[in-house]
PDB file of N, CA and C in Angstrom:
ATOM      1  N   MET A   1       0.849  -1.169   0.000  1.00  0.00           N
ATOM      2  CA  MET A   1       0.000   0.000   0.000  1.00  0.00           C
ATOM      3  C   MET A   1       0.904   1.245   0.000  1.00  0.00           C
ATOM      4  N   PRO A   2       0.616   2.189  -0.889  1.00  0.00           N
ATOM      5  CA  PRO A   2       1.439   3.405  -0.934  1.00  0.00           C
ATOM      6  C   PRO A   2       1.402   4.158   0.403  1.00  0.00           C
ATOM      7  N   GLN A   3       2.506   4.779   0.749  1.00  0.00           N
ATOM      8  CA  GLN A   3       2.642   5.472   2.033  1.00  0.00           C
ATOM      9  C   GLN A   3       1.570   6.542   2.255  1.00  0.00           C
ATOM     10  N   PRO A   4       1.214   7.366   1.243  1.00  0.00           N
ATOM     11  CA  PRO A   4       0.160   8.362   1.499  1.00  0.00           C
ATOM     12  C   PRO A   4      -1.191   7.731   1.832  1.00  0.00           C
ATOM     13  N   VAL A   5      -1.489   6.586   1.243  1.00  0.00           N
ATOM     14  CA  VAL A   5      -2.746   5.895   1.554  1.00  0.00           C
ATOM     15  C   VAL A   5      -2.700   5.389   2.985  1.00  0.00           C
ATOM     16  N   ARG A   6      -1.597   4.765   3.362  1.00  0.00           N
ATOM     17  CA  ARG A   6      -1.438   4.274   4.732  1.00  0.00           C
ATOM     18  C   ARG A   6      -1.527   5.431   5.725  1.00  0.00           C
ATOM     19  N   ALA A   7      -0.882   6.557   5.421  1.00  0.00           N
ATOM     20  CA  ALA A   7      -0.923   7.717   6.316  1.00  0.00           C
ATOM     21  C   ALA A   7      -2.347   8.239   6.463  1.00  0.00           C
ATOM     22  N   TRP A   8      -3.087   8.285   5.345  1.00  0.00           N
ATOM     23  CA  TRP A   8      -4.463   8.765   5.411  1.00  0.00           C
ATOM     24  C   TRP A   8      -5.339   7.813   6.219  1.00  0.00           C
ATOM     25  N   LEU A   9      -5.188   6.507   5.997  1.00  0.00           N
ATOM     26  CA  LEU A   9      -5.979   5.543   6.750  1.00  0.00           C
ATOM     27  C   LEU A   9      -5.673   5.623   8.244  1.00  0.00           C
ATOM     28  N   ASP A  10      -4.396   5.775   8.586  1.00  0.00           N
ATOM     29  CA  ASP A  10      -4.023   5.922   9.999  1.00  0.00           C
ATOM     30  C   ASP A  10      -4.608   7.203  10.579  1.00  0.00           C
ATOM     31  N   PHE A  11      -4.564   8.280   9.802  1.00  0.00           N
ATOM     32  CA  PHE A  11      -5.117   9.549  10.266  1.00  0.00           C
ATOM     33  C   PHE A  11      -6.627   9.413  10.506  1.00  0.00           C
ATOM     34  N   ARG A  12      -7.310   8.751   9.564  1.00  0.00           N
ATOM     35  CA  ARG A  12      -8.756   8.556   9.694  1.00  0.00           C
ATOM     36  C   ARG A  12      -9.079   7.715  10.932  1.00  0.00           C
ATOM     37  N   ARG A  13      -8.277   6.697  11.159  1.00  0.00           N
ATOM     38  CA  ARG A  13      -8.537   5.804  12.290  1.00  0.00           C
ATOM     39  C   ARG A  13      -8.170   6.445  13.624  1.00  0.00           C
ATOM     40  N   TRP A  14      -6.986   7.056  13.703  1.00  0.00           N
ATOM     41  CA  TRP A  14      -6.463   7.526  14.983  1.00  0.00           C
ATOM     42  C   TRP A  14      -6.586   9.029  15.187  1.00  0.00           C
ATOM     43  N   GLY A  15      -6.870   9.769  14.112  1.00  0.00           N
ATOM     44  CA  GLY A  15      -7.003  11.216  14.240  1.00  0.00           C
ATOM     45  C   GLY A  15      -5.682  11.923  14.484  1.00  0.00           C
ATOM     46  N   ARG A  16      -4.587  11.291  14.086  1.00  0.00           N
ATOM     47  CA  ARG A  16      -3.263  11.883  14.282  1.00  0.00           C
ATOM     48  C   ARG A  16      -2.481  11.842  12.982  1.00  0.00           C
ATOM     49  N   LEU A  17      -1.736  12.917  12.749  1.00  0.00           N
ATOM     50  CA  LEU A  17      -0.858  12.968  11.585  1.00  0.00           C
ATOM     51  C   LEU A  17       0.396  12.134  11.847  1.00  0.00           C
ATOM     52  N   PRO A  18       1.119  11.746  10.790  1.00  0.00           N
ATOM     53  CA  PRO A  18       2.297  10.904  10.969  1.00  0.00           C
ATOM     54  C   PRO A  18       3.363  11.496  11.911  1.00  0.00           C
ATOM     55  N   ARG A  19       3.567  12.809  11.815  1.00  0.00           N
ATOM     56  CA  ARG A  19       4.549  13.456  12.689  1.00  0.00           C
ATOM     57  C   ARG A  19       3.837  14.398  13.646  1.00  0.00           C
ATOM     58  N   GLY A  20       4.339  14.484  14.854  1.00  0.00           N
ATOM     59  CA  GLY A  20       3.755  15.380  15.838  1.00  0.00           C
ATOM     60  C   GLY A  20       3.957  16.839  15.453  1.00  0.00           C
ATOM     61  N   GLY A  21       3.204  17.724  16.071  1.00  0.00           N
ATOM     62  CA  GLY A  21       3.407  19.147  15.855  1.00  0.00           C
ATOM     63  C   GLY A  21       2.425  19.795  14.908  1.00  0.00           C
ATOM     64  N   GLY A  22       1.524  19.046  14.331  1.00  0.00           N
ATOM     65  CA  GLY A  22       0.501  19.636  13.484  1.00  0.00           C
ATOM     66  C   GLY A  22       0.829  19.600  12.010  1.00  0.00           C
ATOM     67  N   THR A  23       0.001  20.275  11.241  1.00  0.00           N
ATOM     68  CA  THR A  23       0.101  20.195   9.791  1.00  0.00           C
ATOM     69  C   THR A  23       1.402  20.770   9.242  1.00  0.00           C
ATOM     70  N   LEU A  24       1.936  21.778   9.872  1.00  0.00           N
ATOM     71  CA  LEU A  24       3.151  22.407   9.333  1.00  0.00           C
ATOM     72  C   LEU A  24       4.405  21.570   9.558  1.00  0.00           C
ATOM     73  N   ASP A  25       4.331  20.588  10.424  1.00  0.00           N
ATOM     74  CA  ASP A  25       5.502  19.745  10.697  1.00  0.00           C
ATOM     75  C   ASP A  25       5.519  18.456   9.876  1.00  0.00           C
ATOM     76  N   GLN A  26       4.604  18.302   8.942  1.00  0.00           N
ATOM     77  CA  GLN A  26       4.565  17.104   8.096  1.00  0.00           C
ATOM     78  C   GLN A  26       5.539  17.277   6.928  1.00  0.00           C
ATOM     79  N   PRO A  27       6.030  16.177   6.387  1.00  0.00           N
ATOM     80  CA  PRO A  27       6.918  16.270   5.224  1.00  0.00           C
ATOM     81  C   PRO A  27       6.230  17.020   4.079  1.00  0.00           C
ATOM     82  N   ALA A  28       7.007  17.753   3.329  1.00  0.00           N
ATOM     83  CA  ALA A  28       6.469  18.532   2.216  1.00  0.00           C
ATOM     84  C   ALA A  28       5.660  17.645   1.275  1.00  0.00           C
ATOM     85  N   GLY A  29       4.453  18.076   0.967  1.00  0.00           N
ATOM     86  CA  GLY A  29       3.617  17.368   0.012  1.00  0.00           C
ATOM     87  C   GLY A  29       2.796  16.226   0.581  1.00  0.00           C
ATOM     88  N   LEU A  30       3.063  15.801   1.805  1.00  0.00           N
ATOM     89  CA  LEU A  30       2.360  14.630   2.342  1.00  0.00           C
ATOM     90  C   LEU A  30       0.868  14.883   2.490  1.00  0.00           C
ATOM     91  N   LEU A  31       0.471  16.036   3.009  1.00  0.00           N
ATOM     92  CA  LEU A  31      -0.951  16.292   3.203  1.00  0.00           C
ATOM     93  C   LEU A  31      -1.690  16.313   1.871  1.00  0.00           C
ATOM     94  N   ARG A  32      -1.081  16.861   0.844  1.00  0.00           N
ATOM     95  CA  ARG A  32      -1.696  16.861  -0.486  1.00  0.00           C
ATOM     96  C   ARG A  32      -1.835  15.429  -1.003  1.00  0.00           C
ATOM     97  N   LYS A  33      -0.808  14.619  -0.811  1.00  0.00           N
ATOM     98  CA  LYS A  33      -0.868  13.220  -1.238  1.00  0.00           C
ATOM     99  C   LYS A  33      -1.926  12.451  -0.456  1.00  0.00           C
ATOM    100  N   MET A  34      -2.067  12.757   0.829  1.00  0.00           N
ATOM    101  CA  MET A  34      -3.089  12.103   1.642  1.00  0.00           C
ATOM    102  C   MET A  34      -4.489  12.485   1.151  1.00  0.00           C
ATOM    103  N   THR A  35      -4.666  13.738   0.759  1.00  0.00           N
ATOM    104  CA  THR A  35      -5.949  14.199   0.238  1.00  0.00           C
ATOM    105  C   THR A  35      -6.286  13.477  -1.060  1.00  0.00           C
ATOM    106  N   ILE A  36      -5.299  13.351  -1.931  1.00  0.00           N
ATOM    107  CA  ILE A  36      -5.508  12.636  -3.191  1.00  0.00           C
ATOM    108  C   ILE A  36      -5.833  11.172  -2.914  1.00  0.00           C
ATOM    109  N   ALA A  37      -5.113  10.567  -1.981  1.00  0.00           N
ATOM    110  CA  ALA A  37      -5.376   9.173  -1.619  1.00  0.00           C
ATOM    111  C   ALA A  37      -6.800   9.009  -1.104  1.00  0.00           C
ATOM    112  N   ALA A  38      -7.247   9.933  -0.268  1.00  0.00           N
ATOM    113  CA  ALA A  38      -8.606   9.866   0.267  1.00  0.00           C
ATOM    114  C   ALA A  38      -9.631   9.978  -0.851  1.00  0.00           C
ATOM    115  N   ASP A  39      -9.382  10.859  -1.815  1.00  0.00           N
ATOM    116  CA  ASP A  39     -10.299  11.007  -2.948  1.00  0.00           C
ATOM    117  C   ASP A  39     -10.363   9.728  -3.781  1.00  0.00           C
ATOM    118  N   VAL A  40      -9.218   9.121  -4.022  1.00  0.00           N
ATOM    119  CA  VAL A  40      -9.173   7.891  -4.816  1.00  0.00           C
ATOM    120  C   VAL A  40      -9.900   6.759  -4.090  1.00  0.00           C
ATOM    121  N   VAL A  41      -9.613   6.587  -2.825  1.00  0.00           N
ATOM    122  CA  VAL A  41     -10.264   5.521  -2.055  1.00  0.00           C
ATOM    123  C   VAL A  41     -11.771   5.738  -2.032  1.00  0.00           C
ATOM    124  N   GLY A  42     -12.209   6.963  -1.803  1.00  0.00           N
ATOM    125  CA  GLY A  42     -13.640   7.261  -1.781  1.00  0.00           C
ATOM    126  C   GLY A  42     -14.311   6.972  -3.111  1.00  0.00           C
ATOM    127  N   ALA A  43     -13.662   7.332  -4.205  1.00  0.00           N
ATOM    128  CA  ALA A  43     -14.222   7.088  -5.534  1.00  0.00           C
ATOM    129  C   ALA A  43     -14.328   5.596  -5.815  1.00  0.00           C
ATOM    130  N   VAL A  44     -13.277   4.853  -5.500  1.00  0.00           N
ATOM    131  CA  VAL A  44     -13.287   3.411  -5.756  1.00  0.00           C
ATOM    132  C   VAL A  44     -14.326   2.714  -4.869  1.00  0.00           C
ATOM    133  N   GLN A  45     -14.447   3.135  -3.635  1.00  0.00           N
ATOM    134  CA  GLN A  45     -15.461   2.541  -2.756  1.00  0.00           C
ATOM    135  C   GLN A  45     -16.873   2.829  -3.277  1.00  0.00           C
ATOM    136  N   GLY A  46     -17.120   4.062  -3.717  1.00  0.00           N
ATOM    137  CA  GLY A  46     -18.422   4.400  -4.281  1.00  0.00           C
ATOM    138  C   GLY A  46     -18.728   3.587  -5.523  1.00  0.00           C
ATOM    139  N   TYR A  47     -17.729   3.438  -6.377  1.00  0.00           N
ATOM    140  CA  TYR A  47     -17.858   2.640  -7.596  1.00  0.00           C
ATOM    141  C   TYR A  47     -18.187   1.184  -7.246  1.00  0.00           C
ATOM    142  N   ASP A  48     -17.432   0.617  -6.312  1.00  0.00           N
ATOM    143  CA  ASP A  48     -17.656  -0.776  -5.908  1.00  0.00           C
ATOM    144  C   ASP A  48     -19.057  -0.975  -5.325  1.00  0.00           C
ATOM    145  N   GLN A  49     -19.501  -0.054  -4.485  1.00  0.00           N
ATOM    146  CA  GLN A  49     -20.830  -0.164  -3.886  1.00  0.00           C
ATOM    147  C   GLN A  49     -21.916  -0.070  -4.955  1.00  0.00           C
ATOM    148  N   ALA A  50     -21.759   0.889  -5.871  1.00  0.00           N
ATOM    149  CA  ALA A  50     -22.754   1.044  -6.936  1.00  0.00           C
ATOM    150  C   ALA A  50     -22.780  -0.188  -7.831  1.00  0.00           C
ATOM    151  N   THR A  51     -21.615  -0.737  -8.117  1.00  0.00           N
ATOM    152  CA  THR A  51     -21.543  -1.932  -8.955  1.00  0.00           C
ATOM    153  C   THR A  51     -22.225  -3.111  -8.279  1.00  0.00           C
ATOM    154  N   SER A  52     -21.965  -3.285  -7.002  1.00  0.00           N
ATOM    155  CA  SER A  52     -22.553  -4.422  -6.284  1.00  0.00           C
ATOM    156  C   SER A  52     -24.074  -4.304  -6.172  1.00  0.00           C
ATOM    157  N   LYS A  53     -24.601  -3.092  -6.212  1.00  0.00           N
ATOM    158  CA  LYS A  53     -26.051  -2.877  -6.139  1.00  0.00           C
ATOM    159  C   LYS A  53     -26.699  -2.828  -7.519  1.00  0.00           C
ATOM    160  N   GLY A  54     -25.886  -2.930  -8.571  1.00  0.00           N
ATOM    161  CA  GLY A  54     -26.418  -2.836  -9.924  1.00  0.00           C
ATOM    162  C   GLY A  54     -26.834  -1.421 -10.303  1.00  0.00           C
ATOM    163  N   GLU A  55     -26.223  -0.422  -9.666  1.00  0.00           N
ATOM    164  CA  GLU A  55     -26.593   0.977  -9.874  1.00  0.00           C
ATOM    165  C   GLU A  55     -25.429   1.806 -10.410  1.00  0.00           C
ATOM    166  N   LEU A  56     -24.560   1.171 -11.184  1.00  0.00           N
ATOM    167  CA  LEU A  56     -23.366   1.871 -11.653  1.00  0.00           C
ATOM    168  C   LEU A  56     -23.705   3.069 -12.536  1.00  0.00           C
ATOM    169  N   ALA A  57     -24.620   2.902 -13.475  1.00  0.00           N
ATOM    170  CA  ALA A  57     -24.960   4.016 -14.375  1.00  0.00           C
ATOM    171  C   ALA A  57     -25.514   5.201 -13.589  1.00  0.00           C
ATOM    172  N   LYS A  58     -26.375   4.915 -12.639  1.00  0.00           N
ATOM    173  CA  LYS A  58     -26.950   5.975 -11.797  1.00  0.00           C
ATOM    174  C   LYS A  58     -25.849   6.694 -11.016  1.00  0.00           C
ATOM    175  N   TRP A  59     -24.946   5.922 -10.411  1.00  0.00           N
ATOM    176  CA  TRP A  59     -23.853   6.504  -9.632  1.00  0.00           C
ATOM    177  C   TRP A  59     -22.928   7.319 -10.534  1.00  0.00           C
ATOM    178  N   ALA A  60     -22.588   6.772 -11.694  1.00  0.00           N
ATOM    179  CA  ALA A  60     -21.685   7.465 -12.615  1.00  0.00           C
ATOM    180  C   ALA A  60     -22.281   8.794 -13.069  1.00  0.00           C
ATOM    181  N   ASN A  61     -23.586   8.820 -13.316  1.00  0.00           N
ATOM    182  CA  ASN A  61     -24.239  10.067 -13.710  1.00  0.00           C
ATOM    183  C   ASN A  61     -24.278  11.077 -12.569  1.00  0.00           C
ATOM    184  N   ALA A  62     -24.439  10.583 -11.354  1.00  0.00           N
ATOM    185  CA  ALA A  62     -24.489  11.459 -10.182  1.00  0.00           C
ATOM    186  C   ALA A  62     -23.110  11.949  -9.751  1.00  0.00           C
ATOM    187  N   HIS A  63     -22.065  11.189 -10.101  1.00  0.00           N
ATOM    188  CA  HIS A  63     -20.699  11.497  -9.655  1.00  0.00           C
ATOM    189  C   HIS A  63     -19.712  11.423 -10.820  1.00  0.00           C
ATOM    190  N   PRO A  64     -19.847  12.291 -11.815  1.00  0.00           N
ATOM    191  CA  PRO A  64     -18.986  12.178 -13.002  1.00  0.00           C
ATOM    192  C   PRO A  64     -17.495  12.364 -12.705  1.00  0.00           C
ATOM    193  N   GLU A  65     -17.156  13.220 -11.760  1.00  0.00           N
ATOM    194  CA  GLU A  65     -15.733  13.422 -11.434  1.00  0.00           C
ATOM    195  C   GLU A  65     -15.142  12.185 -10.767  1.00  0.00           C
ATOM    196  N   MET A  66     -15.925  11.547  -9.911  1.00  0.00           N
ATOM    197  CA  MET A  66     -15.454  10.305  -9.286  1.00  0.00           C
ATOM    198  C   MET A  66     -15.291   9.214 -10.333  1.00  0.00           C
ATOM    199  N   MET A  67     -16.205   9.162 -11.284  1.00  0.00           N
ATOM    200  CA  MET A  67     -16.113   8.165 -12.342  1.00  0.00           C
ATOM    201  C   MET A  67     -14.856   8.388 -13.169  1.00  0.00           C
ATOM    202  N   LYS A  68     -14.522   9.633 -13.451  1.00  0.00           N
ATOM    203  CA  LYS A  68     -13.278   9.938 -14.173  1.00  0.00           C
ATOM    204  C   LYS A  68     -12.068   9.437 -13.384  1.00  0.00           C
ATOM    205  N   LEU A  69     -12.107   9.635 -12.080  1.00  0.00           N
ATOM    206  CA  LEU A  69     -11.009   9.185 -11.227  1.00  0.00           C
ATOM    207  C   LEU A  69     -10.894   7.664 -11.239  1.00  0.00           C
ATOM    208  N   VAL A  70     -12.016   6.968 -11.181  1.00  0.00           N
ATOM    209  CA  VAL A  70     -12.000   5.502 -11.237  1.00  0.00           C
ATOM    210  C   VAL A  70     -11.424   5.034 -12.564  1.00  0.00           C
ATOM    211  N   LYS A  71     -11.827   5.657 -13.657  1.00  0.00           N
ATOM    212  CA  LYS A  71     -11.300   5.287 -14.979  1.00  0.00           C
ATOM    213  C   LYS A  71      -9.794   5.523 -15.049  1.00  0.00           C
ATOM    214  N   LEU A  72      -9.324   6.610 -14.455  1.00  0.00           N
ATOM    215  CA  LEU A  72      -7.883   6.880 -14.415  1.00  0.00           C
ATOM    216  C   LEU A  72      -7.151   5.788 -13.642  1.00  0.00           C
ATOM    217  N   VAL A  73      -7.693   5.403 -12.503  1.00  0.00           N
ATOM    218  CA  VAL A  73      -7.088   4.329 -11.706  1.00  0.00           C
ATOM    219  C   VAL A  73      -7.056   3.030 -12.506  1.00  0.00           C
ATOM    220  N   GLU A  74      -8.158   2.733 -13.207  1.00  0.00           N
ATOM    221  CA  GLU A  74      -8.186   1.515 -14.025  1.00  0.00           C
ATOM    222  C   GLU A  74      -7.099   1.543 -15.088  1.00  0.00           C
ATOM    223  N   ARG A  75      -6.926   2.690 -15.755  1.00  0.00           N
ATOM    224  CA  ARG A  75      -5.880   2.803 -16.780  1.00  0.00           C
ATOM    225  C   ARG A  75      -4.490   2.636 -16.181  1.00  0.00           C
ATOM    226  N   LEU A  76      -4.277   3.195 -15.015  1.00  0.00           N
ATOM    227  CA  LEU A  76      -2.974   3.057 -14.356  1.00  0.00           C
ATOM    228  C   LEU A  76      -2.703   1.603 -13.986  1.00  0.00           C
ATOM    229  N   LEU A  77      -3.716   0.918 -13.500  1.00  0.00           N
ATOM    230  CA  LEU A  77      -3.551  -0.484 -13.155  1.00  0.00           C
ATOM    231  C   LEU A  77      -3.297  -1.348 -14.376  1.00  0.00           C
ATOM    232  N   GLU A  78      -3.973  -1.025 -15.485  1.00  0.00           N
ATOM    233  CA  GLU A  78      -3.748  -1.761 -16.730  1.00  0.00           C
ATOM    234  C   GLU A  78      -2.331  -1.547 -17.233  1.00  0.00           C
ATOM    235  N   SER A  79      -1.803  -0.342 -17.090  1.00  0.00           N
ATOM    236  CA  SER A  79      -0.446  -0.069 -17.573  1.00  0.00           C
ATOM    237  C   SER A  79       0.601  -0.797 -16.720  1.00  0.00           C
ATOM    238  N   GLU A  80       0.263  -1.087 -15.455  1.00  0.00           N
ATOM    239  CA  GLU A  80       1.188  -1.865 -14.609  1.00  0.00           C
ATOM    240  C   GLU A  80       1.277  -3.306 -15.096  1.00  0.00           C
ATOM    241  N   ASP A  81       0.201  -3.811 -15.680  1.00  0.00           N
ATOM    242  CA  ASP A  81       0.170  -5.199 -16.156  1.00  0.00           C
ATOM    243  C   ASP A  81       0.987  -5.384 -17.410  1.00  0.00           C
ATOM    244  N   ASP A  82       1.257  -4.316 -18.151  1.00  0.00           N
ATOM    245  CA  ASP A  82       2.002  -4.419 -19.410  1.00  0.00           C
ATOM    246  C   ASP A  82       3.468  -4.679 -19.193  1.00  0.00           C
TER     247      ASP A  82
END
């Protein structure tokens, strides 16, 4: 699991950032990466839930930006297989 995803999951679970001292004491770029990780995880979870309920088209129409993000993730995963 990528470090920003792990950091975000830990933050969500424990309510603490990786380093003490608040947001300004975090490594440069980490908070932005954690935000992106949270967006990706949320989009994929929404996609998975909609798919399992047979409501993918409805979800995709309601959340076009999330759908774009899911498609980007799919393309990235496909390129790893090559």
